[in-house]
Amino acid sequence: MKKWLFTFIITIIICFFALPTIFSTPWGVKELSKKLSSNNQSVSIENLSLSWFGNQRMDRFESKGPDLNISIPKTTLETPLWKLLLTIKNSAK
């Protein structure tokens, strides 16, 4: 029983730390674009590179809809992902 629980916890930790890598794959970028899109607004991202401890990079972000069109050719954030997520969480309070 203890071995099973230990294996389960280690698997969860590995999956958590792998999330930026998973969302940086073509499949992850496609799924993230789907989640960001709505009925009236479509979102597409050509390339995404996320890292818990490094820079965040996004190539060719486009959001198109009836009232708003946004196009960002390339952007880089020199802030680790963990810090961005903590900032978003704290600003939502």
Protein backbone atom coordinates (compact mmCIF):
# COMPACT_ATOMS: atom_id res chain seq x y z
CA MET A 1 0.00 0.00 0.00
CA LYS A 2 2.78 2.46 0.89
CA LYS A 3 4.67 1.70 -2.33
CA TRP A 4 1.54 2.37 -4.40
CA LEU A 5 0.91 5.70 -2.64
CA PHE A 6 4.54 6.76 -3.05
CA THR A 7 4.44 5.90 -6.77
CA PHE A 8 1.18 7.82 -7.19
CA ILE A 9 2.55 10.94 -5.48
CA ILE A 10 5.78 10.86 -7.52
CA THR A 11 3.73 10.49 -10.73
CA ILE A 12 1.60 13.53 -9.83
CA ILE A 13 4.72 15.60 -9.09
CA ILE A 14 6.35 14.61 -12.39
CA CYS A 15 3.17 15.45 -14.32
CA PHE A 16 2.95 18.84 -12.62
CA PHE A 17 6.53 19.77 -13.50
CA ALA A 18 6.02 18.52 -17.08
CA LEU A 19 3.00 20.81 -17.73
CA PRO A 20 5.00 23.63 -19.39
CA THR A 21 6.69 21.11 -21.68
CA ILE A 22 3.35 19.51 -22.55
CA PHE A 23 1.73 22.89 -23.35
CA SER A 24 4.76 23.80 -25.50
CA THR A 25 4.16 20.84 -27.85
CA PRO A 26 2.03 21.29 -31.01
CA TRP A 27 -0.78 19.34 -29.32
CA GLY A 28 -0.59 21.51 -26.20
CA VAL A 29 -0.58 24.75 -28.20
CA LYS A 30 -3.64 23.55 -30.15
CA GLU A 31 -5.51 22.63 -26.96
CA LEU A 32 -4.60 25.92 -25.29
CA SER A 33 -5.80 27.84 -28.37
CA LYS A 34 -9.11 25.94 -28.23
CA LYS A 35 -9.56 26.81 -24.55
CA LEU A 36 -8.85 30.49 -25.19
CA SER A 37 -11.26 30.66 -28.14
CA SER A 38 -14.94 31.40 -27.74
CA ASN A 39 -17.98 31.36 -30.03
CA ASN A 40 -17.22 34.86 -31.36
CA GLN A 41 -13.45 35.02 -30.94
CA SER A 42 -10.92 32.61 -32.43
CA VAL A 43 -7.40 32.36 -31.00
CA SER A 44 -4.39 30.84 -32.69
CA ILE A 45 -0.78 30.51 -31.56
CA GLU A 46 1.93 29.30 -33.91
CA ASN A 47 4.58 28.43 -31.34
CA LEU A 48 4.78 28.53 -27.56
CA SER A 49 7.69 27.87 -25.23
CA LEU A 50 6.92 27.74 -21.51
CA SER A 51 9.29 27.10 -18.64
CA TRP A 52 8.86 27.01 -14.85
CA PHE A 53 12.24 28.70 -14.31
CA GLY A 54 13.12 30.35 -17.66
CA ASN A 55 11.67 32.77 -20.19
CA GLN A 56 8.23 32.43 -21.80
CA ARG A 57 8.10 32.85 -25.60
CA MET A 58 5.14 33.02 -27.96
CA ASP A 59 5.24 33.34 -31.76
CA ARG A 60 2.41 34.66 -33.91
CA PHE A 61 -0.51 35.09 -31.51
CA GLU A 62 -3.73 36.00 -33.31
CA SER A 63 -7.17 36.64 -31.92
CA LYS A 64 -9.93 37.40 -34.42
CA GLY A 65 -13.54 38.27 -33.87
CA PRO A 66 -16.30 40.58 -35.01
CA ASP A 67 -15.27 43.49 -32.76
CA LEU A 68 -11.58 42.93 -32.05
CA ASN A 69 -8.58 41.67 -34.02
CA ILE A 70 -5.19 41.29 -32.32
CA SER A 71 -1.98 40.09 -33.90
CA ILE A 72 1.33 39.80 -32.02
CA PRO A 73 4.20 38.54 -34.20
CA LYS A 74 6.51 37.54 -31.33
CA THR A 75 6.76 38.19 -27.61
CA THR A 76 9.11 37.08 -24.85
CA LEU A 77 8.56 37.43 -21.12
CA GLU A 78 11.68 37.24 -19.00
CA THR A 79 9.69 36.01 -16.01
CA PRO A 80 9.47 32.39 -14.85
CA LEU A 81 6.08 30.72 -15.21
CA TRP A 82 5.77 30.08 -11.46
CA LYS A 83 6.13 33.82 -10.80
CA LEU A 84 3.56 34.72 -13.47
CA LEU A 85 1.04 32.29 -11.99
CA LEU A 86 1.58 33.62 -8.46
CA THR A 87 1.16 37.20 -9.71
CA ILE A 88 -2.10 36.33 -11.48
CA LYS A 89 -3.39 34.50 -8.41
CA ASN A 90 -2.54 37.38 -6.06
CA SER A 91 -4.01 40.04 -8.37
CA ALA A 92 -7.33 38.14 -8.52
CA LYS A 93 -7.90 38.63 -4.78
